Amino acid sequence: MAAQAKPPGDYRPTVLLGAMSVFISYTDRINISIAVPAMVEEFNWDNSRSGVVLGAFFWGYILTQVAGGVLSQRFGGKYVLVAAVLMWSAMTLLTPMAARVGHANGGSITLLVLVRILTGVGEGAGFPAMMSVFGRVVPKAHYSRSIGLSQLMVNLGTVVALYVSPHLIKQAGWPSVFYAFGLLGFLWAPLWLWFALPGSGVDTVENEEGSHGSEASRRPIPWPQIWSSRAFLAIVGLHFGNNWLGFALGTWFPTYLHAGLQVSMEDLGLTMVPYVAKGAMSLAALRWGDQLVYMIFRTGATGTGPNASKRVRQTAVLPSSIIIASLIALIPFLDSVTLCILCVAISFCFQSLVECCGFNVNILEVAPTFAGPVFGVSNSIACIPGMLGVPLNGRLLDILGDGQNGASYAGWRAVFWLAAGIYFGAGASYTWNCEATVQIS
């Protein structure tokens, strides 16, 4: 293994600003889950229509995952990322206008769905571009901490959106959440252009093969090697299951509390609590890295080298999958809002462990040179739960419900049990097939 070269410049501002783009991304994608109940009251949507609006984002999100990674590989993630942020921020600002123009024209949601698709197109390129930059400028020893910071911003952005949005809606109406959060990307862009390292075209950090960013950008992406790698397919499977759970809870849990457990609109800020807990776990991963797995389970992080890293990934994933699936499956049996939120909060803590010390960092291990396009492929497939799973859950609620906007116990049980089963199956498969050495080069 070649020794890692020192980056030409401090990589930490790049990591911080890259993580801030994730924060902005999640405020702009989560705010609609809080706004939808108010939009339903104004526009008289049923659950199926709400599901289409909530799921439209992911139809755009899947389109630019691979493209974002390939463009970042060729031209550098720095410029792909700034273009992506500006695009999704502009679409966020246009969301209220699209909703009201469509409603004024026969109650159509077509224009709103188009704007949400374009929001997803912008956000879809964001993570692959950031991963491409991280794979080139971050030393391998700091992979887990860098991913931990980005995952922390996922949760921080979600918490801020969930906490601030109900207050904005109460004071200024539901459109205000899109205006407030849509402006953030335009404030971030000049900082990124000024301070971020390019992450392409220069020798930055050597990967395990000793190849540099400039060499990698000239090499073709090894697609047959990617699709034939069991380790990669295991990552994709867990990424899929992880997103199914995250999208199901992120889009429908506020509706479950509001419609199912009669939580008021003003109190929907309580849904931020699980994300605070998840953020705390991400912060712990940022501080301790892979050692956090050993601190929790007392196994999995002894020794050094690829075998030790593989044990960390397996130990982070399998017990966590069992705990998460059990708690999510329990939610429909609980009448207490506090207990429901507690179950989700604990689940999210272990989900954060899986993300920070499991499949996300594993991408950088199995494909350090091609982290951008590989992540793009994985995240493309992991968009399917958003594209199909979110509207499917809405359809299940209508089919098993008791009238317009009414969802029965059977409907909510189907939503939560389906998410739990998929997550457990994905975690078990990943544990059996994961690797922690370079598989794609």
Protein backbone atom coordinates (compact mmCIF):
# COMPACT_ATOMS: atom_id res chain seq x y z
CA MET A 1 0.00 0.00 0.00
CA ALA A 2 1.38 3.36 -0.96
CA ALA A 3 1.75 5.99 1.71
CA GLN A 4 -0.82 8.72 1.59
CA ALA A 5 0.40 11.99 0.18
CA LYS A 6 -0.26 15.20 2.03
CA PRO A 7 -3.01 17.19 0.31
CA PRO A 8 -1.91 20.45 -1.36
CA GLY A 9 -3.81 22.61 1.10
CA ASP A 10 -5.99 22.04 4.14
CA TYR A 11 -8.80 19.62 3.25
CA ARG A 12 -10.89 20.52 6.32
CA PRO A 13 -12.68 23.62 4.90
CA THR A 14 -13.65 21.49 1.90
CA VAL A 15 -15.12 18.82 4.18
CA LEU A 16 -16.95 21.40 6.30
CA LEU A 17 -18.47 23.21 3.32
CA GLY A 18 -19.27 19.93 1.58
CA ALA A 19 -21.12 18.85 4.69
CA MET A 20 -22.93 22.20 4.76
CA SER A 21 -24.27 21.46 1.28
CA VAL A 22 -25.79 18.32 2.78
CA PHE A 23 -27.40 20.44 5.52
CA ILE A 24 -28.99 22.68 2.87
CA SER A 25 -30.08 19.68 0.84
CA TYR A 26 -31.98 18.17 3.73
CA THR A 27 -33.69 21.37 4.80
CA ASP A 28 -34.95 21.71 1.23
CA ARG A 29 -36.18 18.13 0.95
CA ILE A 30 -37.64 17.67 4.45
CA ASN A 31 -39.60 20.92 4.79
CA ILE A 32 -42.34 19.66 2.46
CA SER A 33 -43.20 16.78 4.82
CA ILE A 34 -44.20 19.38 7.42
CA ALA A 35 -45.87 21.65 4.86
CA VAL A 36 -47.99 18.89 3.30
CA PRO A 37 -50.64 18.69 6.07
CA ALA A 38 -51.25 22.44 5.63
CA MET A 39 -51.22 22.06 1.84
CA VAL A 40 -53.73 19.21 2.12
CA GLU A 41 -56.09 21.50 4.03
CA GLU A 42 -55.74 24.27 1.43
CA PHE A 43 -55.89 22.10 -1.70
CA ASN A 44 -58.07 19.20 -0.41
CA TRP A 45 -55.69 16.39 -1.46
CA ASP A 46 -56.18 12.75 -0.54
CA ASN A 47 -53.32 10.49 0.66
CA SER A 48 -52.63 9.18 -2.84
CA ARG A 49 -52.21 12.69 -4.22
CA SER A 50 -50.04 13.68 -1.25
CA GLY A 51 -47.93 10.60 -1.89
CA VAL A 52 -47.39 11.61 -5.52
CA VAL A 53 -46.26 15.09 -4.44
CA LEU A 54 -43.95 13.70 -1.75
CA GLY A 55 -42.52 11.06 -4.09
CA ALA A 56 -42.00 13.32 -7.12
CA PHE A 57 -38.69 14.59 -5.73
CA PHE A 58 -37.18 11.13 -6.03
CA TRP A 59 -38.08 10.76 -9.72
CA GLY A 60 -35.72 13.64 -10.38
CA TYR A 61 -33.24 12.55 -7.73
CA ILE A 62 -32.54 9.25 -9.47
CA LEU A 63 -31.84 10.89 -12.84
CA THR A 64 -28.61 12.64 -11.85
CA GLN A 65 -27.02 10.20 -9.42
CA VAL A 66 -24.82 8.43 -11.95
CA ALA A 67 -24.53 11.52 -14.14
CA GLY A 68 -23.37 13.57 -11.14
CA GLY A 69 -20.72 11.00 -10.32
CA VAL A 70 -19.51 10.71 -13.91
CA LEU A 71 -19.37 14.49 -14.40
CA SER A 72 -17.52 14.86 -11.10
CA GLN A 73 -15.05 12.19 -12.17
CA ARG A 74 -14.42 14.06 -15.41
CA PHE A 75 -14.61 17.74 -14.46
CA GLY A 76 -14.29 17.79 -10.69
CA GLY A 77 -16.92 17.58 -7.98
CA LYS A 78 -16.36 21.16 -6.88
CA TYR A 79 -18.15 22.72 -9.86
CA VAL A 80 -20.76 19.99 -10.22
CA LEU A 81 -21.73 20.48 -6.58
CA VAL A 82 -22.17 24.25 -6.78
CA ALA A 83 -24.32 23.94 -9.92
CA ALA A 84 -26.45 21.31 -8.20
CA VAL A 85 -27.00 23.42 -5.07
CA LEU A 86 -28.03 26.49 -7.06
CA MET A 87 -30.48 24.47 -9.13
CA TRP A 88 -32.30 22.80 -6.24
CA SER A 89 -32.38 26.06 -4.26
CA ALA A 90 -34.06 27.87 -7.16
CA MET A 91 -36.67 25.11 -7.47
CA THR A 92 -37.36 25.26 -3.74
CA LEU A 93 -38.14 28.96 -4.05
CA LEU A 94 -40.56 28.22 -6.91
CA THR A 95 -42.50 25.48 -5.06
CA PRO A 96 -45.31 27.63 -3.56
CA MET A 97 -45.99 29.34 -6.88
CA ALA A 98 -46.16 25.97 -8.66
CA ALA A 99 -48.63 24.58 -6.10
CA ARG A 100 -50.99 27.55 -6.27
CA VAL A 101 -50.86 28.02 -10.04
CA GLY A 102 -51.73 24.35 -10.50
CA HIS A 103 -54.57 24.53 -7.98
CA ALA A 104 -55.99 27.61 -9.72
CA ASN A 105 -56.05 25.62 -12.98
CA GLY A 106 -58.48 22.87 -12.06
CA GLY A 107 -56.70 21.56 -9.00
CA SER A 108 -53.82 20.12 -11.02
CA ILE A 109 -50.61 19.07 -9.26
CA THR A 110 -48.68 18.67 -12.53
CA LEU A 111 -46.65 21.87 -12.25
CA LEU A 112 -45.86 21.21 -8.58
CA VAL A 113 -44.76 17.67 -9.40
CA LEU A 114 -42.50 19.02 -12.18
CA VAL A 115 -40.87 21.53 -9.81
CA ARG A 116 -40.33 18.80 -7.21
CA ILE A 117 -38.80 16.55 -9.89
CA LEU A 118 -36.39 19.35 -10.85
CA THR A 119 -35.55 19.87 -7.17
CA GLY A 120 -34.60 16.21 -7.10
CA VAL A 121 -32.54 16.57 -10.30
CA GLY A 122 -30.41 19.19 -8.55
CA GLU A 123 -30.08 17.30 -5.27
CA GLY A 124 -29.32 14.05 -7.09
CA ALA A 125 -25.92 15.30 -8.23
CA GLY A 126 -25.00 16.67 -4.81
CA PHE A 127 -23.92 13.61 -2.84
CA PRO A 128 -21.94 11.96 -5.71
CA ALA A 129 -20.11 15.25 -6.30
CA MET A 130 -19.29 15.61 -2.61
CA MET A 131 -18.15 11.97 -2.36
CA SER A 132 -15.94 12.46 -5.41
CA VAL A 133 -14.25 15.44 -3.76
CA PHE A 134 -13.90 13.60 -0.43
CA GLY A 135 -12.40 10.54 -2.13
CA ARG A 136 -9.67 12.72 -3.65
CA VAL A 137 -8.78 15.19 -0.91
CA VAL A 138 -9.47 13.40 2.39
CA PRO A 139 -6.80 11.08 3.85
CA LYS A 140 -8.05 7.49 4.30
CA ALA A 141 -7.56 7.68 8.06
CA HIS A 142 -10.20 10.42 8.18
CA TYR A 143 -12.84 8.79 5.95
CA SER A 144 -15.14 7.82 8.83
CA ARG A 145 -14.92 11.25 10.45
CA SER A 146 -15.62 13.03 7.16
CA ILE A 147 -18.62 10.81 6.49
CA GLY A 148 -19.65 11.30 10.12
CA LEU A 149 -19.70 15.07 9.62
CA SER A 150 -21.79 14.81 6.46
CA GLN A 151 -24.23 12.47 8.22
CA LEU A 152 -24.36 14.89 11.14
CA MET A 153 -25.45 17.57 8.69
CA VAL A 154 -28.14 15.24 7.30
CA ASN A 155 -29.61 15.10 10.76
CA LEU A 156 -28.96 18.73 11.65
CA GLY A 157 -30.64 19.89 8.44
CA THR A 158 -33.58 17.62 9.14
CA VAL A 159 -33.87 18.83 12.75
CA VAL A 160 -33.74 22.48 11.74
CA ALA A 161 -36.39 21.95 9.03
CA LEU A 162 -38.66 20.00 11.38
CA TYR A 163 -38.29 22.49 14.22
CA VAL A 164 -38.46 25.73 12.27
CA SER A 165 -41.09 24.77 9.68
CA PRO A 166 -44.12 24.51 12.04
CA HIS A 167 -43.31 27.93 13.51
CA LEU A 168 -42.89 29.49 10.07
CA ILE A 169 -46.18 27.94 8.92
CA LYS A 170 -47.99 29.23 12.00
CA GLN A 171 -46.59 32.75 11.65
CA ALA A 172 -46.38 33.23 7.88
CA GLY A 173 -48.11 30.30 6.16
CA TRP A 174 -46.73 27.16 4.56
CA PRO A 175 -45.03 28.93 1.57
CA SER A 176 -42.61 30.60 3.99
CA VAL A 177 -40.72 27.37 4.63
CA PHE A 178 -39.74 27.14 0.97
CA TYR A 179 -38.67 30.77 0.77
CA ALA A 180 -36.59 30.64 3.97
CA PHE A 181 -34.71 27.44 3.17
CA GLY A 182 -34.44 28.09 -0.56
CA LEU A 183 -32.25 31.13 0.07
CA LEU A 184 -29.56 29.14 1.92
CA GLY A 185 -27.98 27.66 -1.22
CA PHE A 186 -27.37 31.09 -2.70
CA LEU A 187 -25.55 32.13 0.49
CA TRP A 188 -23.41 28.96 0.50
CA ALA A 189 -22.28 28.99 -3.15
CA PRO A 190 -19.67 31.81 -3.03
CA LEU A 191 -18.08 30.31 0.10
CA TRP A 192 -17.70 26.95 -1.62
CA LEU A 193 -16.19 28.45 -4.76
CA TRP A 194 -13.68 30.44 -2.71
CA PHE A 195 -12.53 27.95 -0.07
CA ALA A 196 -13.03 24.40 -1.43
CA LEU A 197 -10.16 22.39 -2.91
CA PRO A 198 -10.81 21.36 -6.52
CA GLY A 199 -10.69 17.58 -5.96
CA SER A 200 -9.64 16.92 -9.56
CA GLY A 201 -6.82 17.47 -11.98
CA VAL A 202 -4.13 17.57 -9.26
CA ASP A 203 -2.37 15.02 -7.11
CA THR A 204 -4.28 15.12 -3.86
CA VAL A 205 -4.48 12.04 -1.63
CA GLU A 206 -3.14 8.75 -2.90
CA ASN A 207 -5.50 5.81 -2.63
CA GLU A 208 -4.49 2.29 -1.66
CA GLU A 209 -3.21 1.56 -5.17
CA GLY A 210 -1.02 4.65 -5.23
CA SER A 211 -3.00 6.30 -8.04
CA HIS A 212 -3.82 9.96 -7.92
CA GLY A 213 -6.82 12.07 -8.88
CA SER A 214 -5.27 13.21 -12.17
CA GLU A 215 -4.63 9.62 -13.28
CA ALA A 216 -8.09 8.47 -12.21
CA SER A 217 -9.86 11.21 -14.12
CA ARG A 218 -8.30 9.92 -17.35
CA ARG A 219 -9.20 6.27 -16.77
CA PRO A 220 -12.53 4.82 -17.93
CA ILE A 221 -15.00 3.85 -15.23
CA PRO A 222 -14.89 0.02 -14.86
CA TRP A 223 -18.63 -0.65 -15.12
CA PRO A 224 -18.36 -4.47 -15.53
CA GLN A 225 -16.20 -4.63 -12.40
CA ILE A 226 -18.70 -2.50 -10.50
CA TRP A 227 -21.72 -4.62 -11.38
CA SER A 228 -19.94 -7.92 -10.74
CA SER A 229 -18.72 -6.96 -7.27
CA ARG A 230 -20.60 -8.73 -4.46
CA ALA A 231 -19.30 -6.15 -2.01
CA PHE A 232 -20.78 -3.35 -4.11
CA LEU A 233 -24.12 -5.15 -4.48
CA ALA A 234 -24.21 -5.63 -0.70
CA ILE A 235 -23.70 -1.89 -0.25
CA VAL A 236 -26.50 -1.18 -2.74
CA GLY A 237 -28.88 -3.53 -0.94
CA LEU A 238 -28.28 -1.92 2.45
CA HIS A 239 -28.45 1.56 0.93
CA PHE A 240 -31.84 0.61 -0.55
CA GLY A 241 -33.17 -0.73 2.75
CA ASN A 242 -31.79 2.22 4.68
CA ASN A 243 -33.50 4.68 2.34
CA TRP A 244 -36.80 2.80 2.37
CA LEU A 245 -36.93 3.21 6.14
CA GLY A 246 -35.72 6.81 6.06
CA PHE A 247 -38.14 7.90 3.34
CA ALA A 248 -41.10 6.09 4.89
CA LEU A 249 -40.56 7.73 8.26
CA GLY A 250 -39.37 11.09 6.93
CA THR A 251 -42.40 11.58 4.69
CA TRP A 252 -45.19 9.74 6.55
CA PHE A 253 -44.34 9.83 10.26
CA PRO A 254 -45.51 13.48 10.66
CA THR A 255 -48.80 12.51 8.96
CA TYR A 256 -49.11 9.47 11.23
CA LEU A 257 -48.72 11.65 14.31
CA HIS A 258 -51.11 14.32 12.98
CA ALA A 259 -53.84 12.10 11.52
CA GLY A 260 -53.34 8.89 13.49
CA LEU A 261 -52.44 10.12 16.97
CA GLN A 262 -54.06 13.57 16.73
CA VAL A 263 -50.90 15.61 17.29
CA SER A 264 -51.54 19.29 16.47
CA MET A 265 -49.76 21.05 13.61
CA GLU A 266 -47.83 23.23 16.07
CA ASP A 267 -46.61 20.13 17.94
CA LEU A 268 -45.32 18.35 14.84
CA GLY A 269 -41.95 19.86 15.71
CA LEU A 270 -41.72 16.84 18.02
CA THR A 271 -40.71 14.86 14.95
CA MET A 272 -37.32 16.55 15.21
CA VAL A 273 -36.49 14.55 18.37
CA PRO A 274 -35.44 11.35 16.54
CA TYR A 275 -33.21 13.42 14.27
CA VAL A 276 -31.58 15.11 17.27
CA ALA A 277 -30.79 11.63 18.60
CA LYS A 278 -29.50 10.55 15.19
CA GLY A 279 -27.38 13.68 15.01
CA ALA A 280 -25.88 12.91 18.39
CA MET A 281 -24.82 9.48 17.11
CA SER A 282 -23.35 11.10 13.98
CA LEU A 283 -21.45 13.50 16.22
CA ALA A 284 -20.11 10.53 18.18
CA ALA A 285 -19.00 8.93 14.90
CA LEU A 286 -17.32 12.20 13.98
CA ARG A 287 -15.42 12.10 17.29
CA TRP A 288 -14.51 8.42 17.57
CA GLY A 289 -14.86 7.00 14.04
CA ASP A 290 -14.89 3.22 13.81
CA GLN A 291 -13.96 2.95 17.48
CA LEU A 292 -17.56 3.89 18.27
CA VAL A 293 -18.69 0.44 17.11
CA TYR A 294 -16.46 -1.20 19.71
CA MET A 295 -17.65 1.24 22.38
CA ILE A 296 -21.28 0.22 21.77
CA PHE A 297 -21.04 -3.51 21.09
CA ARG A 298 -17.67 -4.29 22.76
CA THR A 299 -16.50 -6.07 19.65
CA GLY A 300 -15.67 -5.33 16.02
CA ALA A 301 -12.77 -2.88 16.19
CA THR A 302 -9.77 -4.82 17.40
CA GLY A 303 -6.57 -4.94 15.34
CA THR A 304 -5.77 -3.09 12.13
CA GLY A 305 -6.03 -3.69 8.40
CA PRO A 306 -8.81 -4.80 6.05
CA ASN A 307 -10.03 -7.70 8.21
CA ALA A 308 -10.50 -5.36 11.17
CA SER A 309 -12.38 -2.86 8.97
CA LYS A 310 -14.62 -5.65 7.68
CA ARG A 311 -15.44 -6.70 11.25
CA VAL A 312 -16.33 -3.10 12.06
CA ARG A 313 -18.76 -2.90 9.14
CA GLN A 314 -20.39 -6.22 10.01
CA THR A 315 -20.67 -5.41 13.70
CA ALA A 316 -22.12 -1.97 12.99
CA VAL A 317 -24.79 -3.37 10.67
CA LEU A 318 -26.23 -6.70 11.86
CA PRO A 319 -27.13 -5.93 15.51
CA SER A 320 -28.33 -2.49 14.47
CA SER A 321 -30.60 -3.98 11.81
CA ILE A 322 -32.24 -6.29 14.33
CA ILE A 323 -32.83 -3.46 16.80
CA ILE A 324 -34.17 -1.08 14.14
CA ALA A 325 -36.55 -3.61 12.59
CA SER A 326 -37.93 -4.62 16.00
CA LEU A 327 -38.62 -1.05 17.13
CA ILE A 328 -40.24 0.08 13.87
CA ALA A 329 -42.48 -2.99 13.80
CA LEU A 330 -43.64 -2.09 17.33
CA ILE A 331 -44.88 1.43 16.50
CA PRO A 332 -48.42 0.51 15.28
CA PHE A 333 -49.12 -1.17 18.63
CA LEU A 334 -48.37 1.98 20.63
CA ASP A 335 -50.96 4.60 21.57
CA SER A 336 -48.43 6.88 23.26
CA VAL A 337 -46.90 9.66 21.16
CA THR A 338 -43.89 9.67 23.49
CA LEU A 339 -43.23 5.95 23.02
CA CYS A 340 -43.63 6.20 19.24
CA ILE A 341 -41.11 9.02 19.06
CA LEU A 342 -38.78 7.12 21.42
CA CYS A 343 -38.88 4.03 19.17
CA VAL A 344 -38.04 6.11 16.12
CA ALA A 345 -35.31 8.00 18.02
CA ILE A 346 -33.54 4.81 19.12
CA SER A 347 -33.91 3.35 15.62
CA PHE A 348 -32.40 6.46 14.10
CA CYS A 349 -29.41 6.28 16.45
CA PHE A 350 -28.56 2.82 15.17
CA GLN A 351 -29.35 3.84 11.60
CA SER A 352 -26.75 6.60 11.98
CA LEU A 353 -24.22 4.02 13.15
CA VAL A 354 -24.96 1.94 10.03
CA GLU A 355 -24.52 4.99 7.80
CA CYS A 356 -21.37 6.40 9.40
CA CYS A 357 -19.52 3.14 10.15
CA GLY A 358 -21.23 0.87 7.62
CA PHE A 359 -22.10 1.24 3.96
CA ASN A 360 -21.24 4.91 3.33
CA VAL A 361 -17.62 4.70 4.43
CA ASN A 362 -17.44 1.22 2.85
CA ILE A 363 -17.85 2.84 -0.59
CA LEU A 364 -14.60 4.74 -0.04
CA GLU A 365 -12.89 1.45 0.91
CA VAL A 366 -14.03 -0.70 -2.01
CA ALA A 367 -13.78 2.04 -4.68
CA PRO A 368 -11.62 4.95 -3.48
CA THR A 369 -10.65 6.03 -7.00
CA PHE A 370 -14.21 5.89 -8.36
CA ALA A 371 -16.16 6.84 -5.22
CA GLY A 372 -18.24 9.46 -7.09
CA PRO A 373 -19.73 7.27 -9.84
CA VAL A 374 -19.97 4.23 -7.54
CA PHE A 375 -21.91 6.24 -4.98
CA GLY A 376 -24.03 7.63 -7.80
CA VAL A 377 -25.03 4.13 -8.92
CA SER A 378 -25.76 3.05 -5.35
CA ASN A 379 -27.78 6.15 -4.58
CA SER A 380 -29.69 5.81 -7.86
CA ILE A 381 -30.97 2.39 -6.86
CA ALA A 382 -31.56 3.67 -3.34
CA CYS A 383 -33.89 6.32 -4.83
CA ILE A 384 -36.43 3.64 -5.72
CA PRO A 385 -37.91 3.68 -2.18
CA GLY A 386 -38.57 7.39 -2.63
CA MET A 387 -39.92 7.09 -6.18
CA LEU A 388 -42.12 4.06 -5.60
CA GLY A 389 -42.12 3.41 -1.86
CA VAL A 390 -43.46 6.81 -0.76
CA PRO A 391 -46.48 6.80 -3.14
CA LEU A 392 -46.96 3.06 -2.48
CA ASN A 393 -47.30 3.81 1.22
CA GLY A 394 -49.86 6.50 0.42
CA ARG A 395 -51.77 4.02 -1.73
CA LEU A 396 -51.69 1.42 1.05
CA LEU A 397 -53.10 3.96 3.47
CA ASP A 398 -55.95 4.78 1.08
CA ILE A 399 -56.73 1.14 0.24
CA LEU A 400 -56.71 0.07 3.88
CA GLY A 401 -58.11 3.37 5.18
CA ASP A 402 -61.57 4.59 6.13
CA GLY A 403 -62.25 7.43 3.72
CA GLN A 404 -60.57 10.57 2.43
CA ASN A 405 -57.41 11.34 4.41
CA GLY A 406 -58.36 8.54 6.78
CA ALA A 407 -55.88 5.75 7.44
CA SER A 408 -56.73 2.68 9.48
CA TYR A 409 -54.61 0.74 11.91
CA ALA A 410 -54.12 -1.88 9.18
CA GLY A 411 -52.79 0.76 6.80
CA TRP A 412 -50.21 2.13 9.20
CA ARG A 413 -49.22 -1.37 10.27
CA ALA A 414 -48.51 -2.23 6.63
CA VAL A 415 -46.34 0.89 6.21
CA PHE A 416 -44.22 0.27 9.31
CA TRP A 417 -43.93 -3.51 8.98
CA LEU A 418 -42.88 -3.28 5.34
CA ALA A 419 -40.11 -0.81 6.25
CA ALA A 420 -38.93 -3.02 9.13
CA GLY A 421 -38.81 -6.19 7.04
CA ILE A 422 -36.89 -4.59 4.18
CA TYR A 423 -34.35 -3.09 6.56
CA PHE A 424 -33.64 -6.35 8.35
CA GLY A 425 -33.25 -8.29 5.09
CA ALA A 426 -30.86 -5.70 3.69
CA GLY A 427 -28.75 -5.66 6.87
CA ALA A 428 -28.43 -9.45 6.94
CA SER A 429 -27.41 -9.59 3.27
CA TYR A 430 -24.81 -6.85 3.72
CA THR A 431 -23.26 -8.59 6.72
CA TRP A 432 -22.78 -11.78 4.71
CA ASN A 433 -21.26 -10.16 1.61
CA CYS A 434 -19.34 -7.05 2.68
CA GLU A 435 -15.62 -6.48 2.08
CA ALA A 436 -13.30 -3.70 3.21
CA THR A 437 -10.54 -3.91 0.58
CA VAL A 438 -10.35 -2.30 -2.87
CA GLN A 439 -12.72 -4.20 -5.17
CA ILE A 440 -13.14 -1.62 -7.95
CA SER A 441 -10.04 -0.01 -9.45
